Amino acid sequence: MLYRVLKRLIETGQTAGLAEKIDVFYATGKLTETEYTELTALLP
């Protein structure tokens, strides 16, 4: 669920501060390594 929300935010261009949040979600185990890699690749 979190992954889909983050991906949608990136797709709609709402990326202000999102990279740091994705890092925190990954560090706390809320995202898998695959999800983290894909989301960070999508960031501008």
PDB file of N, CA and C in Angstrom:
ATOM      1  N   MET A   1       0.821  -1.191   0.000  1.00  0.00           N
ATOM      2  CA  MET A   1       0.000   0.000   0.000  1.00  0.00           C
ATOM      3  C   MET A   1       0.875   1.268   0.000  1.00  0.00           C
ATOM      4  N   LEU A   2       1.838   1.324   0.908  1.00  0.00           N
ATOM      5  CA  LEU A   2       2.723   2.487   0.987  1.00  0.00           C
ATOM      6  C   LEU A   2       3.476   2.684  -0.322  1.00  0.00           C
ATOM      7  N   TYR A   3       3.943   1.587  -0.886  1.00  0.00           N
ATOM      8  CA  TYR A   3       4.673   1.654  -2.152  1.00  0.00           C
ATOM      9  C   TYR A   3       3.809   2.306  -3.231  1.00  0.00           C
ATOM     10  N   ARG A   4       2.555   1.891  -3.341  1.00  0.00           N
ATOM     11  CA  ARG A   4       1.664   2.440  -4.366  1.00  0.00           C
ATOM     12  C   ARG A   4       1.412   3.933  -4.148  1.00  0.00           C
ATOM     13  N   VAL A   5       1.266   4.344  -2.895  1.00  0.00           N
ATOM     14  CA  VAL A   5       1.052   5.762  -2.596  1.00  0.00           C
ATOM     15  C   VAL A   5       2.281   6.577  -2.994  1.00  0.00           C
ATOM     16  N   LEU A   6       3.449   6.098  -2.629  1.00  0.00           N
ATOM     17  CA  LEU A   6       4.683   6.806  -2.975  1.00  0.00           C
ATOM     18  C   LEU A   6       4.881   6.880  -4.485  1.00  0.00           C
ATOM     19  N   LYS A   7       4.596   5.789  -5.177  1.00  0.00           N
ATOM     20  CA  LYS A   7       4.739   5.779  -6.628  1.00  0.00           C
ATOM     21  C   LYS A   7       3.777   6.780  -7.262  1.00  0.00           C
ATOM     22  N   ARG A   8       2.562   6.851  -6.760  1.00  0.00           N
ATOM     23  CA  ARG A   8       1.560   7.796  -7.288  1.00  0.00           C
ATOM     24  C   ARG A   8       1.999   9.240  -7.050  1.00  0.00           C
ATOM     25  N   LEU A   9       2.575   9.518  -5.891  1.00  0.00           N
ATOM     26  CA  LEU A   9       3.078  10.869  -5.607  1.00  0.00           C
ATOM     27  C   LEU A   9       4.163  11.254  -6.610  1.00  0.00           C
ATOM     28  N   ILE A  10       5.048  10.330  -6.916  1.00  0.00           N
ATOM     29  CA  ILE A  10       6.117  10.603  -7.884  1.00  0.00           C
ATOM     30  C   ILE A  10       5.512  10.847  -9.261  1.00  0.00           C
ATOM     31  N   GLU A  11       4.556  10.019  -9.650  1.00  0.00           N
ATOM     32  CA  GLU A  11       3.919  10.157 -10.962  1.00  0.00           C
ATOM     33  C   GLU A  11       3.206  11.493 -11.119  1.00  0.00           C
ATOM     34  N   THR A  12       2.661  12.024 -10.036  1.00  0.00           N
ATOM     35  CA  THR A  12       1.944  13.299 -10.106  1.00  0.00           C
ATOM     36  C   THR A  12       2.856  14.494  -9.849  1.00  0.00           C
ATOM     37  N   GLY A  13       4.154  14.240  -9.641  1.00  0.00           N
ATOM     38  CA  GLY A  13       5.114  15.328  -9.504  1.00  0.00           C
ATOM     39  C   GLY A  13       5.233  15.910  -8.114  1.00  0.00           C
ATOM     40  N   GLN A  14       4.658  15.264  -7.130  1.00  0.00           N
ATOM     41  CA  GLN A  14       4.719  15.758  -5.750  1.00  0.00           C
ATOM     42  C   GLN A  14       5.924  15.142  -5.042  1.00  0.00           C
ATOM     43  N   THR A  15       7.109  15.624  -5.410  1.00  0.00           N
ATOM     44  CA  THR A  15       8.336  14.985  -4.944  1.00  0.00           C
ATOM     45  C   THR A  15       9.127  15.804  -3.928  1.00  0.00           C
ATOM     46  N   ALA A  16       8.601  16.931  -3.499  1.00  0.00           N
ATOM     47  CA  ALA A  16       9.324  17.766  -2.537  1.00  0.00           C
ATOM     48  C   ALA A  16       9.524  17.004  -1.222  1.00  0.00           C
ATOM     49  N   GLY A  17      10.778  16.741  -0.867  1.00  0.00           N
ATOM     50  CA  GLY A  17      11.103  16.046   0.369  1.00  0.00           C
ATOM     51  C   GLY A  17      10.839  14.553   0.348  1.00  0.00           C
ATOM     52  N   LEU A  18      10.444  14.032  -0.783  1.00  0.00           N
ATOM     53  CA  LEU A  18      10.057  12.624  -0.865  1.00  0.00           C
ATOM     54  C   LEU A  18      11.256  11.678  -0.780  1.00  0.00           C
ATOM     55  N   ALA A  19      12.386  12.083  -1.296  1.00  0.00           N
ATOM     56  CA  ALA A  19      13.571  11.219  -1.262  1.00  0.00           C
ATOM     57  C   ALA A  19      13.956  10.875   0.177  1.00  0.00           C
ATOM     58  N   GLU A  20      13.918  11.853   1.057  1.00  0.00           N
ATOM     59  CA  GLU A  20      14.263  11.618   2.456  1.00  0.00           C
ATOM     60  C   GLU A  20      13.246  10.696   3.118  1.00  0.00           C
ATOM     61  N   LYS A  21      11.979  10.878   2.800  1.00  0.00           N
ATOM     62  CA  LYS A  21      10.934  10.033   3.376  1.00  0.00           C
ATOM     63  C   LYS A  21      11.076   8.594   2.903  1.00  0.00           C
ATOM     64  N   ILE A  22      11.397   8.418   1.629  1.00  0.00           N
ATOM     65  CA  ILE A  22      11.597   7.068   1.095  1.00  0.00           C
ATOM     66  C   ILE A  22      12.778   6.403   1.803  1.00  0.00           C
ATOM     67  N   ASP A  23      13.840   7.160   2.058  1.00  0.00           N
ATOM     68  CA  ASP A  23      14.996   6.624   2.784  1.00  0.00           C
ATOM     69  C   ASP A  23      14.595   6.137   4.176  1.00  0.00           C
ATOM     70  N   VAL A  24      13.785   6.929   4.868  1.00  0.00           N
ATOM     71  CA  VAL A  24      13.338   6.563   6.213  1.00  0.00           C
ATOM     72  C   VAL A  24      12.452   5.316   6.165  1.00  0.00           C
ATOM     73  N   PHE A  25      11.530   5.275   5.216  1.00  0.00           N
ATOM     74  CA  PHE A  25      10.661   4.105   5.104  1.00  0.00           C
ATOM     75  C   PHE A  25      11.470   2.837   4.822  1.00  0.00           C
ATOM     76  N   TYR A  26      12.495   2.962   4.022  1.00  0.00           N
ATOM     77  CA  TYR A  26      13.350   1.809   3.722  1.00  0.00           C
ATOM     78  C   TYR A  26      14.149   1.399   4.964  1.00  0.00           C
ATOM     79  N   ALA A  27      14.701   2.381   5.654  1.00  0.00           N
ATOM     80  CA  ALA A  27      15.515   2.104   6.840  1.00  0.00           C
ATOM     81  C   ALA A  27      14.699   1.446   7.955  1.00  0.00           C
ATOM     82  N   THR A  28      13.424   1.774   8.034  1.00  0.00           N
ATOM     83  CA  THR A  28      12.579   1.201   9.087  1.00  0.00           C
ATOM     84  C   THR A  28      11.881  -0.085   8.644  1.00  0.00           C
ATOM     85  N   GLY A  29      12.171  -0.551   7.437  1.00  0.00           N
ATOM     86  CA  GLY A  29      11.627  -1.813   6.972  1.00  0.00           C
ATOM     87  C   GLY A  29      10.236  -1.735   6.373  1.00  0.00           C
ATOM     88  N   LYS A  30       9.770  -0.533   6.073  1.00  0.00           N
ATOM     89  CA  LYS A  30       8.439  -0.374   5.485  1.00  0.00           C
ATOM     90  C   LYS A  30       8.448  -0.627   3.980  1.00  0.00           C
ATOM     91  N   LEU A  31       9.637  -0.549   3.366  1.00  0.00           N
ATOM     92  CA  LEU A  31       9.793  -0.827   1.934  1.00  0.00           C
ATOM     93  C   LEU A  31      10.837  -1.915   1.756  1.00  0.00           C
ATOM     94  N   THR A  32      10.632  -2.762   0.755  1.00  0.00           N
ATOM     95  CA  THR A  32      11.644  -3.762   0.428  1.00  0.00           C
ATOM     96  C   THR A  32      12.766  -3.096  -0.369  1.00  0.00           C
ATOM     97  N   GLU A  33      13.859  -3.808  -0.540  1.00  0.00           N
ATOM     98  CA  GLU A  33      14.977  -3.266  -1.316  1.00  0.00           C
ATOM     99  C   GLU A  33      14.563  -3.023  -2.763  1.00  0.00           C
ATOM    100  N   THR A  34      13.767  -3.917  -3.313  1.00  0.00           N
ATOM    101  CA  THR A  34      13.289  -3.778  -4.693  1.00  0.00           C
ATOM    102  C   THR A  34      12.409  -2.537  -4.836  1.00  0.00           C
ATOM    103  N   GLU A  35      11.484  -2.345  -3.901  1.00  0.00           N
ATOM    104  CA  GLU A  35      10.603  -1.174  -3.943  1.00  0.00           C
ATOM    105  C   GLU A  35      11.416   0.109  -3.798  1.00  0.00           C
ATOM    106  N   TYR A  36      12.364   0.101  -2.865  1.00  0.00           N
ATOM    107  CA  TYR A  36      13.216   1.265  -2.638  1.00  0.00           C
ATOM    108  C   TYR A  36      14.000   1.625  -3.897  1.00  0.00           C
ATOM    109  N   THR A  37      14.588   0.629  -4.522  1.00  0.00           N
ATOM    110  CA  THR A  37      15.375   0.855  -5.733  1.00  0.00           C
ATOM    111  C   THR A  37      14.524   1.435  -6.843  1.00  0.00           C
ATOM    112  N   GLU A  38      13.331   0.876  -7.024  1.00  0.00           N
ATOM    113  CA  GLU A  38      12.453   1.365  -8.084  1.00  0.00           C
ATOM    114  C   GLU A  38      11.996   2.794  -7.824  1.00  0.00           C
ATOM    115  N   LEU A  39      11.605   3.084  -6.599  1.00  0.00           N
ATOM    116  CA  LEU A  39      11.116   4.433  -6.279  1.00  0.00           C
ATOM    117  C   LEU A  39      12.228   5.480  -6.422  1.00  0.00           C
ATOM    118  N   THR A  40      13.415   5.165  -5.947  1.00  0.00           N
ATOM    119  CA  THR A  40      14.489   6.152  -6.065  1.00  0.00           C
ATOM    120  C   THR A  40      14.892   6.361  -7.519  1.00  0.00           C
ATOM    121  N   ALA A  41      14.746   5.346  -8.369  1.00  0.00           N
ATOM    122  CA  ALA A  41      15.043   5.489  -9.786  1.00  0.00           C
ATOM    123  C   ALA A  41      14.008   6.382 -10.475  1.00  0.00           C
ATOM    124  N   LEU A  42      12.796   6.407  -9.963  1.00  0.00           N
ATOM    125  CA  LEU A  42      11.738   7.211 -10.558  1.00  0.00           C
ATOM    126  C   LEU A  42      11.836   8.696 -10.185  1.00  0.00           C
ATOM    127  N   LEU A  43      12.530   8.989  -9.094  1.00  0.00           N
ATOM    128  CA  LEU A  43      12.636  10.382  -8.651  1.00  0.00           C
ATOM    129  C   LEU A  43      13.436  11.210  -9.661  1.00  0.00           C
ATOM    130  N   PRO A  44      13.011  12.457  -9.860  1.00  0.00           N
ATOM    131  CA  PRO A  44      13.744  13.319 -10.812  1.00  0.00           C
ATOM    132  C   PRO A  44      15.111  13.723 -10.291  1.00  0.00           C
TER     133      PRO A  44
END
